[in-house]
Amino acid sequence: MKGDAFRGKVVWITGASAGIGRALALAFGRAGARLVLSARSADALEEAARASGAEARVLPLDLTRLAELPGVAARALEAFGGVDIMVHNAGVAVRARAAEVSLEVHERVLRTNYLGPVVLAQALLRSMIARGGGRLVVLSSLSGKYAGPMLAAYTASKHALHGF
């Protein structure tokens, strides 16, 4: 990330405790962004916040707990007075034969990969519109376009996310 395009911008990243989300937190931090970092593990988020070198707030969340997400979004908006860029990165995959995936697993995958991001996006959109703009960045998968073996729940959730 070059230049000052992200300097002072507020970037909220889900799944920020590890992998791509953590790497994004470090990159946005180096670029001068202020960060809101979310995932389930508060300890891992605190470490990512320190490593980013950025002004950061840690807001642990579980995307499957849909009723709690508007409150988390309100705290994210309050942290820095708004969110400029929302990065929907968190996700979960389950490898199993379609005939063996329980309804509970389908529901958990859909809540994490689709419904949680939808609830957060809706909670932020009015604020973004009122402030004159913002960005929703959705990290997805080719599984959102093409079905693969052993990934029925994951593929369905990513298809839904692409559609949204």
N, C-alpha and C. Protein backbone atom coordinates (compact mmCIF):
# COMPACT_ATOMS: atom_id res chain seq x y z
N MET A 1 0.85 -1.16 0.00
CA MET A 1 0.00 0.00 0.00
C MET A 1 0.90 1.23 0.00
N LYS A 2 0.88 1.91 -1.10
CA LYS A 2 1.77 3.05 -1.24
C LYS A 2 1.01 4.36 -1.14
N GLY A 3 1.74 5.41 -0.90
CA GLY A 3 1.14 6.74 -0.83
C GLY A 3 0.38 6.94 0.46
N ASP A 4 -0.41 7.99 0.45
CA ASP A 4 -1.17 8.35 1.65
C ASP A 4 -2.66 8.02 1.53
N ALA A 5 -3.02 7.13 0.62
CA ALA A 5 -4.43 6.85 0.38
C ALA A 5 -5.16 6.36 1.63
N PHE A 6 -4.45 5.72 2.54
CA PHE A 6 -5.10 5.16 3.72
C PHE A 6 -4.75 5.91 5.01
N ARG A 7 -3.89 6.90 4.91
CA ARG A 7 -3.49 7.66 6.10
C ARG A 7 -4.70 8.31 6.75
N GLY A 8 -4.92 7.98 8.02
CA GLY A 8 -6.03 8.55 8.78
C GLY A 8 -7.38 7.89 8.54
N LYS A 9 -7.46 7.01 7.56
CA LYS A 9 -8.72 6.30 7.30
C LYS A 9 -8.97 5.28 8.41
N VAL A 10 -10.23 5.04 8.70
CA VAL A 10 -10.60 4.03 9.68
C VAL A 10 -10.96 2.75 8.92
N VAL A 11 -10.21 1.70 9.21
CA VAL A 11 -10.40 0.42 8.53
C VAL A 11 -10.78 -0.63 9.56
N TRP A 12 -11.94 -1.25 9.36
CA TRP A 12 -12.40 -2.33 10.24
C TRP A 12 -12.20 -3.64 9.51
N ILE A 13 -11.48 -4.57 10.14
CA ILE A 13 -11.16 -5.86 9.53
C ILE A 13 -11.70 -6.98 10.42
N THR A 14 -12.53 -7.85 9.84
CA THR A 14 -12.94 -9.05 10.57
C THR A 14 -11.96 -10.18 10.24
N GLY A 15 -11.84 -11.11 11.14
CA GLY A 15 -10.87 -12.19 10.94
C GLY A 15 -9.45 -11.66 11.03
N ALA A 16 -9.25 -10.63 11.85
CA ALA A 16 -7.96 -9.92 11.91
C ALA A 16 -6.94 -10.58 12.83
N SER A 17 -7.28 -11.69 13.45
CA SER A 17 -6.37 -12.29 14.42
C SER A 17 -5.31 -13.19 13.79
N ALA A 18 -5.50 -13.59 12.54
CA ALA A 18 -4.56 -14.52 11.90
C ALA A 18 -4.68 -14.42 10.38
N GLY A 19 -3.74 -15.04 9.71
CA GLY A 19 -3.80 -15.20 8.26
C GLY A 19 -3.91 -13.89 7.49
N ILE A 20 -4.77 -13.89 6.49
CA ILE A 20 -4.95 -12.73 5.62
C ILE A 20 -5.39 -11.51 6.41
N GLY A 21 -6.31 -11.70 7.36
CA GLY A 21 -6.79 -10.57 8.15
C GLY A 21 -5.69 -9.89 8.94
N ARG A 22 -4.83 -10.68 9.57
CA ARG A 22 -3.71 -10.12 10.32
C ARG A 22 -2.74 -9.41 9.37
N ALA A 23 -2.46 -10.03 8.23
CA ALA A 23 -1.58 -9.40 7.24
C ALA A 23 -2.16 -8.07 6.77
N LEU A 24 -3.47 -8.02 6.57
CA LEU A 24 -4.11 -6.75 6.18
C LEU A 24 -3.98 -5.71 7.29
N ALA A 25 -4.14 -6.13 8.55
CA ALA A 25 -4.00 -5.20 9.66
C ALA A 25 -2.60 -4.60 9.67
N LEU A 26 -1.59 -5.41 9.46
CA LEU A 26 -0.21 -4.91 9.44
C LEU A 26 0.01 -3.96 8.26
N ALA A 27 -0.51 -4.32 7.10
CA ALA A 27 -0.34 -3.48 5.91
C ALA A 27 -1.07 -2.15 6.05
N PHE A 28 -2.32 -2.19 6.49
CA PHE A 28 -3.06 -0.94 6.69
C PHE A 28 -2.41 -0.10 7.79
N GLY A 29 -1.91 -0.75 8.82
CA GLY A 29 -1.21 -0.02 9.88
C GLY A 29 0.02 0.70 9.35
N ARG A 30 0.82 0.02 8.53
CA ARG A 30 2.00 0.66 7.91
C ARG A 30 1.59 1.82 7.02
N ALA A 31 0.41 1.72 6.43
CA ALA A 31 -0.07 2.77 5.52
C ALA A 31 -0.71 3.94 6.27
N GLY A 32 -0.72 3.89 7.60
CA GLY A 32 -1.22 5.02 8.37
C GLY A 32 -2.70 4.99 8.72
N ALA A 33 -3.36 3.88 8.49
CA ALA A 33 -4.78 3.77 8.83
C ALA A 33 -4.95 3.58 10.33
N ARG A 34 -6.11 3.97 10.82
CA ARG A 34 -6.54 3.64 12.17
C ARG A 34 -7.39 2.38 12.05
N LEU A 35 -7.22 1.46 12.98
CA LEU A 35 -7.79 0.13 12.80
C LEU A 35 -8.81 -0.23 13.86
N VAL A 36 -9.83 -0.94 13.41
CA VAL A 36 -10.75 -1.66 14.29
C VAL A 36 -10.56 -3.12 13.89
N LEU A 37 -10.14 -3.93 14.85
CA LEU A 37 -9.80 -5.32 14.57
C LEU A 37 -10.78 -6.25 15.29
N SER A 38 -11.34 -7.18 14.53
CA SER A 38 -12.31 -8.11 15.10
C SER A 38 -12.01 -9.55 14.71
N ALA A 39 -12.29 -10.43 15.62
CA ALA A 39 -12.24 -11.88 15.46
C ALA A 39 -12.75 -12.44 16.79
N ARG A 40 -12.69 -13.73 16.96
CA ARG A 40 -13.16 -14.30 18.22
C ARG A 40 -12.13 -14.23 19.33
N SER A 41 -10.85 -14.26 19.02
CA SER A 41 -9.80 -14.32 20.02
C SER A 41 -9.27 -12.94 20.40
N ALA A 42 -9.65 -12.46 21.57
CA ALA A 42 -9.22 -11.14 22.03
C ALA A 42 -7.70 -11.08 22.17
N ASP A 43 -7.09 -12.13 22.69
CA ASP A 43 -5.63 -12.12 22.88
C ASP A 43 -4.89 -12.00 21.55
N ALA A 44 -5.31 -12.77 20.55
CA ALA A 44 -4.67 -12.70 19.24
C ALA A 44 -4.91 -11.35 18.58
N LEU A 45 -6.08 -10.76 18.81
CA LEU A 45 -6.35 -9.42 18.28
C LEU A 45 -5.47 -8.37 18.92
N GLU A 46 -5.27 -8.47 20.23
CA GLU A 46 -4.40 -7.52 20.93
C GLU A 46 -2.99 -7.60 20.37
N GLU A 47 -2.52 -8.80 20.10
CA GLU A 47 -1.18 -8.98 19.54
C GLU A 47 -1.11 -8.38 18.14
N ALA A 48 -2.14 -8.61 17.33
CA ALA A 48 -2.17 -8.04 15.98
C ALA A 48 -2.20 -6.52 16.04
N ALA A 49 -2.95 -5.97 16.98
CA ALA A 49 -3.02 -4.51 17.13
C ALA A 49 -1.64 -3.96 17.47
N ARG A 50 -0.94 -4.59 18.41
CA ARG A 50 0.42 -4.14 18.78
C ARG A 50 1.35 -4.24 17.58
N ALA A 51 1.30 -5.36 16.87
CA ALA A 51 2.19 -5.58 15.73
C ALA A 51 1.93 -4.61 14.59
N SER A 52 0.70 -4.12 14.48
CA SER A 52 0.35 -3.21 13.37
C SER A 52 1.02 -1.86 13.51
N GLY A 53 1.35 -1.47 14.75
CA GLY A 53 1.93 -0.15 14.97
C GLY A 53 0.94 0.98 14.78
N ALA A 54 -0.31 0.66 14.59
CA ALA A 54 -1.34 1.66 14.31
C ALA A 54 -2.14 1.98 15.57
N GLU A 55 -2.84 3.10 15.52
CA GLU A 55 -3.85 3.36 16.54
C GLU A 55 -4.96 2.37 16.25
N ALA A 56 -5.25 1.51 17.21
CA ALA A 56 -6.18 0.41 16.94
C ALA A 56 -7.10 0.16 18.13
N ARG A 57 -8.31 -0.28 17.81
CA ARG A 57 -9.27 -0.74 18.80
C ARG A 57 -9.56 -2.20 18.51
N VAL A 58 -9.64 -2.98 19.55
CA VAL A 58 -9.95 -4.40 19.43
C VAL A 58 -11.40 -4.61 19.84
N LEU A 59 -12.18 -5.19 18.94
CA LEU A 59 -13.59 -5.50 19.20
C LEU A 59 -13.84 -6.96 18.88
N PRO A 60 -13.64 -7.85 19.86
CA PRO A 60 -13.92 -9.26 19.59
C PRO A 60 -15.38 -9.46 19.21
N LEU A 61 -15.61 -10.41 18.32
CA LEU A 61 -16.97 -10.75 17.93
C LEU A 61 -17.02 -12.16 17.40
N ASP A 62 -18.20 -12.70 17.40
CA ASP A 62 -18.48 -14.00 16.80
C ASP A 62 -19.57 -13.74 15.77
N LEU A 63 -19.25 -13.89 14.50
CA LEU A 63 -20.20 -13.58 13.44
C LEU A 63 -21.45 -14.42 13.46
N THR A 64 -21.43 -15.54 14.16
CA THR A 64 -22.64 -16.36 14.23
C THR A 64 -23.66 -15.79 15.19
N ARG A 65 -23.26 -14.85 16.04
CA ARG A 65 -24.16 -14.26 17.04
C ARG A 65 -24.75 -12.97 16.45
N LEU A 66 -25.66 -13.16 15.52
CA LEU A 66 -26.20 -12.07 14.70
C LEU A 66 -26.82 -10.95 15.53
N ALA A 67 -27.52 -11.28 16.59
CA ALA A 67 -28.20 -10.26 17.39
C ALA A 67 -27.21 -9.32 18.07
N GLU A 68 -25.99 -9.76 18.30
CA GLU A 68 -24.98 -8.92 18.96
C GLU A 68 -24.25 -7.99 17.99
N LEU A 69 -24.29 -8.28 16.71
CA LEU A 69 -23.47 -7.56 15.74
C LEU A 69 -23.82 -6.08 15.59
N PRO A 70 -25.10 -5.67 15.61
CA PRO A 70 -25.37 -4.23 15.53
C PRO A 70 -24.71 -3.45 16.68
N GLY A 71 -24.68 -4.03 17.87
CA GLY A 71 -24.03 -3.38 19.00
C GLY A 71 -22.53 -3.27 18.80
N VAL A 72 -21.93 -4.31 18.24
CA VAL A 72 -20.49 -4.26 17.94
C VAL A 72 -20.23 -3.19 16.88
N ALA A 73 -21.09 -3.12 15.88
CA ALA A 73 -20.94 -2.10 14.84
C ALA A 73 -21.05 -0.70 15.43
N ALA A 74 -21.97 -0.51 16.36
CA ALA A 74 -22.11 0.80 17.01
C ALA A 74 -20.82 1.17 17.75
N ARG A 75 -20.20 0.19 18.42
CA ARG A 75 -18.94 0.47 19.12
C ARG A 75 -17.82 0.77 18.12
N ALA A 76 -17.83 0.10 16.98
CA ALA A 76 -16.82 0.38 15.95
C ALA A 76 -16.98 1.80 15.41
N LEU A 77 -18.22 2.21 15.19
CA LEU A 77 -18.47 3.57 14.70
C LEU A 77 -18.06 4.62 15.74
N GLU A 78 -18.28 4.32 17.01
CA GLU A 78 -17.92 5.25 18.08
C GLU A 78 -16.41 5.34 18.29
N ALA A 79 -15.68 4.27 17.99
CA ALA A 79 -14.26 4.22 18.29
C ALA A 79 -13.49 5.39 17.68
N PHE A 80 -13.78 5.69 16.42
CA PHE A 80 -13.07 6.78 15.73
C PHE A 80 -14.02 7.75 15.04
N GLY A 81 -15.30 7.67 15.33
CA GLY A 81 -16.26 8.58 14.72
C GLY A 81 -16.78 8.14 13.37
N GLY A 82 -16.48 6.92 12.97
CA GLY A 82 -16.96 6.38 11.70
C GLY A 82 -16.04 5.30 11.20
N VAL A 83 -16.47 4.61 10.17
CA VAL A 83 -15.66 3.59 9.52
C VAL A 83 -15.61 3.94 8.04
N ASP A 84 -14.41 4.06 7.50
CA ASP A 84 -14.24 4.38 6.08
C ASP A 84 -14.22 3.14 5.21
N ILE A 85 -13.60 2.08 5.71
CA ILE A 85 -13.43 0.86 4.94
C ILE A 85 -13.74 -0.33 5.84
N MET A 86 -14.70 -1.14 5.43
CA MET A 86 -15.05 -2.36 6.15
C MET A 86 -14.52 -3.53 5.34
N VAL A 87 -13.61 -4.31 5.92
CA VAL A 87 -13.05 -5.47 5.23
C VAL A 87 -13.66 -6.73 5.84
N HIS A 88 -14.55 -7.35 5.09
CA HIS A 88 -15.18 -8.60 5.51
C HIS A 88 -14.24 -9.74 5.12
N ASN A 89 -13.43 -10.16 6.07
CA ASN A 89 -12.43 -11.18 5.81
C ASN A 89 -12.71 -12.49 6.52
N ALA A 90 -13.35 -12.45 7.68
CA ALA A 90 -13.56 -13.67 8.47
C ALA A 90 -14.36 -14.69 7.67
N GLY A 91 -14.04 -15.95 7.89
CA GLY A 91 -14.78 -17.00 7.22
C GLY A 91 -14.45 -18.36 7.80
N VAL A 92 -15.28 -19.31 7.46
CA VAL A 92 -15.08 -20.67 7.93
C VAL A 92 -15.46 -21.62 6.79
N ALA A 93 -14.70 -22.71 6.68
CA ALA A 93 -15.00 -23.73 5.67
C ALA A 93 -15.14 -25.07 6.37
N VAL A 94 -15.99 -25.89 5.82
CA VAL A 94 -16.18 -27.25 6.34
C VAL A 94 -16.08 -28.20 5.16
N ARG A 95 -15.18 -29.14 5.26
CA ARG A 95 -15.03 -30.15 4.20
C ARG A 95 -15.78 -31.41 4.61
N ALA A 96 -16.82 -31.72 3.87
CA ALA A 96 -17.60 -32.93 4.14
C ALA A 96 -18.51 -33.20 2.95
N ARG A 97 -18.94 -34.43 2.83
CA ARG A 97 -19.90 -34.78 1.78
C ARG A 97 -21.23 -34.08 2.08
N ALA A 98 -21.88 -33.60 1.06
CA ALA A 98 -23.14 -32.87 1.23
C ALA A 98 -24.16 -33.66 2.03
N ALA A 99 -24.23 -34.95 1.82
CA ALA A 99 -25.20 -35.79 2.53
C ALA A 99 -24.89 -35.92 4.02
N GLU A 100 -23.68 -35.54 4.41
CA GLU A 100 -23.26 -35.71 5.81
C GLU A 100 -23.21 -34.40 6.59
N VAL A 101 -23.46 -33.28 5.93
CA VAL A 101 -23.38 -31.98 6.61
C VAL A 101 -24.71 -31.71 7.31
N SER A 102 -24.66 -31.50 8.60
CA SER A 102 -25.88 -31.27 9.37
C SER A 102 -26.42 -29.86 9.11
N LEU A 103 -27.68 -29.68 9.41
CA LEU A 103 -28.28 -28.37 9.29
C LEU A 103 -27.57 -27.36 10.19
N GLU A 104 -27.14 -27.80 11.37
CA GLU A 104 -26.43 -26.91 12.30
C GLU A 104 -25.13 -26.42 11.69
N VAL A 105 -24.41 -27.28 10.98
CA VAL A 105 -23.17 -26.87 10.33
C VAL A 105 -23.47 -25.90 9.20
N HIS A 106 -24.47 -26.20 8.38
CA HIS A 106 -24.86 -25.26 7.32
C HIS A 106 -25.18 -23.89 7.92
N GLU A 107 -25.93 -23.89 9.00
CA GLU A 107 -26.31 -22.62 9.62
C GLU A 107 -25.10 -21.86 10.14
N ARG A 108 -24.15 -22.55 10.79
CA ARG A 108 -22.95 -21.88 11.31
C ARG A 108 -22.13 -21.28 10.17
N VAL A 109 -21.98 -22.02 9.09
CA VAL A 109 -21.20 -21.53 7.95
C VAL A 109 -21.91 -20.33 7.31
N LEU A 110 -23.22 -20.43 7.13
CA LEU A 110 -23.98 -19.30 6.55
C LEU A 110 -23.94 -18.07 7.44
N ARG A 111 -24.04 -18.25 8.74
CA ARG A 111 -23.97 -17.11 9.66
C ARG A 111 -22.60 -16.45 9.60
N THR A 112 -21.55 -17.24 9.58
CA THR A 112 -20.20 -16.69 9.58
C THR A 112 -19.85 -16.04 8.24
N ASN A 113 -20.11 -16.74 7.16
CA ASN A 113 -19.63 -16.29 5.84
C ASN A 113 -20.59 -15.36 5.12
N TYR A 114 -21.86 -15.38 5.45
CA TYR A 114 -22.84 -14.55 4.73
C TYR A 114 -23.65 -13.64 5.65
N LEU A 115 -24.42 -14.21 6.56
CA LEU A 115 -25.34 -13.39 7.35
C LEU A 115 -24.61 -12.40 8.25
N GLY A 116 -23.52 -12.79 8.88
CA GLY A 116 -22.75 -11.87 9.72
C GLY A 116 -22.27 -10.66 8.93
N PRO A 117 -21.61 -10.87 7.79
CA PRO A 117 -21.21 -9.72 6.98
C PRO A 117 -22.38 -8.85 6.52
N VAL A 118 -23.52 -9.45 6.22
CA VAL A 118 -24.69 -8.68 5.82
C VAL A 118 -25.15 -7.78 6.97
N VAL A 119 -25.24 -8.35 8.18
CA VAL A 119 -25.68 -7.56 9.33
C VAL A 119 -24.71 -6.40 9.58
N LEU A 120 -23.40 -6.66 9.52
CA LEU A 120 -22.42 -5.59 9.74
C LEU A 120 -22.50 -4.53 8.64
N ALA A 121 -22.63 -4.95 7.40
CA ALA A 121 -22.73 -3.99 6.30
C ALA A 121 -23.95 -3.09 6.47
N GLN A 122 -25.08 -3.69 6.80
CA GLN A 122 -26.29 -2.89 6.99
C GLN A 122 -26.13 -1.92 8.16
N ALA A 123 -25.43 -2.35 9.19
CA ALA A 123 -25.22 -1.49 10.36
C ALA A 123 -24.31 -0.30 10.04
N LEU A 124 -23.46 -0.44 9.02
CA LEU A 124 -22.53 0.63 8.67
C LEU A 124 -23.01 1.53 7.53
N LEU A 125 -23.88 1.02 6.68
CA LEU A 125 -24.22 1.75 5.44
C LEU A 125 -24.81 3.13 5.68
N ARG A 126 -25.72 3.27 6.62
CA ARG A 126 -26.31 4.59 6.85
C ARG A 126 -25.23 5.60 7.23
N SER A 127 -24.32 5.19 8.10
CA SER A 127 -23.24 6.07 8.51
C SER A 127 -22.35 6.43 7.33
N MET A 128 -22.03 5.46 6.52
CA MET A 128 -21.18 5.72 5.35
C MET A 128 -21.86 6.69 4.39
N ILE A 129 -23.14 6.47 4.15
CA ILE A 129 -23.88 7.36 3.25
C ILE A 129 -23.94 8.76 3.83
N ALA A 130 -24.21 8.88 5.12
CA ALA A 130 -24.29 10.20 5.77
C ALA A 130 -22.95 10.93 5.73
N ARG A 131 -21.86 10.18 5.76
CA ARG A 131 -20.53 10.79 5.74
C ARG A 131 -20.04 11.04 4.32
N GLY A 132 -20.81 10.64 3.32
CA GLY A 132 -20.44 10.90 1.94
C GLY A 132 -19.67 9.79 1.27
N GLY A 133 -19.62 8.62 1.89
CA GLY A 133 -18.97 7.50 1.23
C GLY A 133 -18.32 6.54 2.20
N GLY A 134 -17.80 5.50 1.63
CA GLY A 134 -17.14 4.44 2.37
C GLY A 134 -16.99 3.26 1.44
N ARG A 135 -16.29 2.27 1.91
CA ARG A 135 -16.05 1.08 1.09
C ARG A 135 -16.35 -0.17 1.89
N LEU A 136 -17.01 -1.13 1.23
CA LEU A 136 -17.19 -2.47 1.77
C LEU A 136 -16.33 -3.39 0.91
N VAL A 137 -15.34 -4.00 1.52
CA VAL A 137 -14.44 -4.91 0.83
C VAL A 137 -14.76 -6.32 1.30
N VAL A 138 -15.05 -7.19 0.36
CA VAL A 138 -15.46 -8.55 0.70
C VAL A 138 -14.43 -9.53 0.14
N LEU A 139 -13.74 -10.22 1.04
CA LEU A 139 -12.84 -11.28 0.61
C LEU A 139 -13.67 -12.54 0.51
N SER A 140 -13.62 -13.16 -0.63
CA SER A 140 -14.45 -14.34 -0.85
C SER A 140 -13.60 -15.46 -1.40
N SER A 141 -14.11 -16.15 -2.38
CA SER A 141 -13.45 -17.34 -2.88
C SER A 141 -13.99 -17.66 -4.27
N LEU A 142 -13.19 -18.35 -5.05
CA LEU A 142 -13.71 -18.86 -6.32
C LEU A 142 -14.88 -19.80 -6.09
N SER A 143 -14.97 -20.33 -4.87
CA SER A 143 -16.11 -21.19 -4.53
C SER A 143 -17.42 -20.42 -4.58
N GLY A 144 -17.35 -19.10 -4.57
CA GLY A 144 -18.55 -18.29 -4.73
C GLY A 144 -19.07 -18.30 -6.15
N LYS A 145 -18.26 -18.78 -7.08
CA LYS A 145 -18.67 -18.85 -8.47
C LYS A 145 -18.74 -20.29 -8.99
N TYR A 146 -17.90 -21.15 -8.43
CA TYR A 146 -17.80 -22.52 -8.92
C TYR A 146 -17.89 -23.50 -7.75
N ALA A 147 -18.76 -24.46 -7.87
CA ALA A 147 -18.89 -25.47 -6.82
C ALA A 147 -17.69 -26.41 -6.86
N GLY A 148 -17.33 -26.92 -5.69
CA GLY A 148 -16.24 -27.88 -5.60
C GLY A 148 -16.67 -29.05 -4.74
N PRO A 149 -15.95 -30.14 -4.84
CA PRO A 149 -16.31 -31.31 -4.04
C PRO A 149 -16.06 -31.08 -2.56
N MET A 150 -16.92 -31.65 -1.73
CA MET A 150 -16.76 -31.64 -0.27
C MET A 150 -16.92 -30.25 0.36
N LEU A 151 -17.49 -29.29 -0.35
CA LEU A 151 -17.61 -27.93 0.17
C LEU A 151 -19.00 -27.35 0.00
N ALA A 152 -20.04 -28.16 0.13
CA ALA A 152 -21.41 -27.70 -0.14
C ALA A 152 -21.79 -26.48 0.70
N ALA A 153 -21.61 -26.54 2.00
CA ALA A 153 -22.01 -25.42 2.87
C ALA A 153 -21.17 -24.18 2.57
N TYR A 154 -19.88 -24.36 2.43
CA TYR A 154 -18.97 -23.25 2.14
C TYR A 154 -19.34 -22.59 0.81
N THR A 155 -19.50 -23.42 -0.23
CA THR A 155 -19.83 -22.90 -1.56
C THR A 155 -21.16 -22.15 -1.53
N ALA A 156 -22.16 -22.69 -0.87
CA ALA A 156 -23.46 -22.01 -0.78
C ALA A 156 -23.31 -20.65 -0.10
N SER A 157 -22.53 -20.59 0.97
CA SER A 157 -22.36 -19.33 1.69
C SER A 157 -21.63 -18.30 0.83
N LYS A 158 -20.66 -18.74 0.06
CA LYS A 158 -19.91 -17.80 -0.79
C LYS A 158 -20.74 -17.37 -2.00
N HIS A 159 -21.59 -18.26 -2.53
CA HIS A 159 -22.52 -17.86 -3.59
C HIS A 159 -23.43 -16.74 -3.06
N ALA A 160 -23.95 -16.92 -1.86
CA ALA A 160 -24.82 -15.90 -1.27
C ALA A 160 -24.09 -14.58 -1.08
N LEU A 161 -22.85 -14.65 -0.61
CA LEU A 161 -22.06 -13.43 -0.40
C LEU A 161 -21.81 -12.70 -1.71
N HIS A 162 -21.49 -13.45 -2.77
CA HIS A 162 -21.31 -12.82 -4.08
C HIS A 162 -22.60 -12.14 -4.53
N GLY A 163 -23.73 -12.78 -4.30
CA GLY A 163 -25.00 -12.20 -4.69
C GLY A 163 -25.32 -10.91 -3.93
N PHE A 164 -24.98 -10.88 -2.65
CA PHE A 164 -25.22 -9.68 -1.84
C PHE A 164 -24.35 -8.53 -2.33
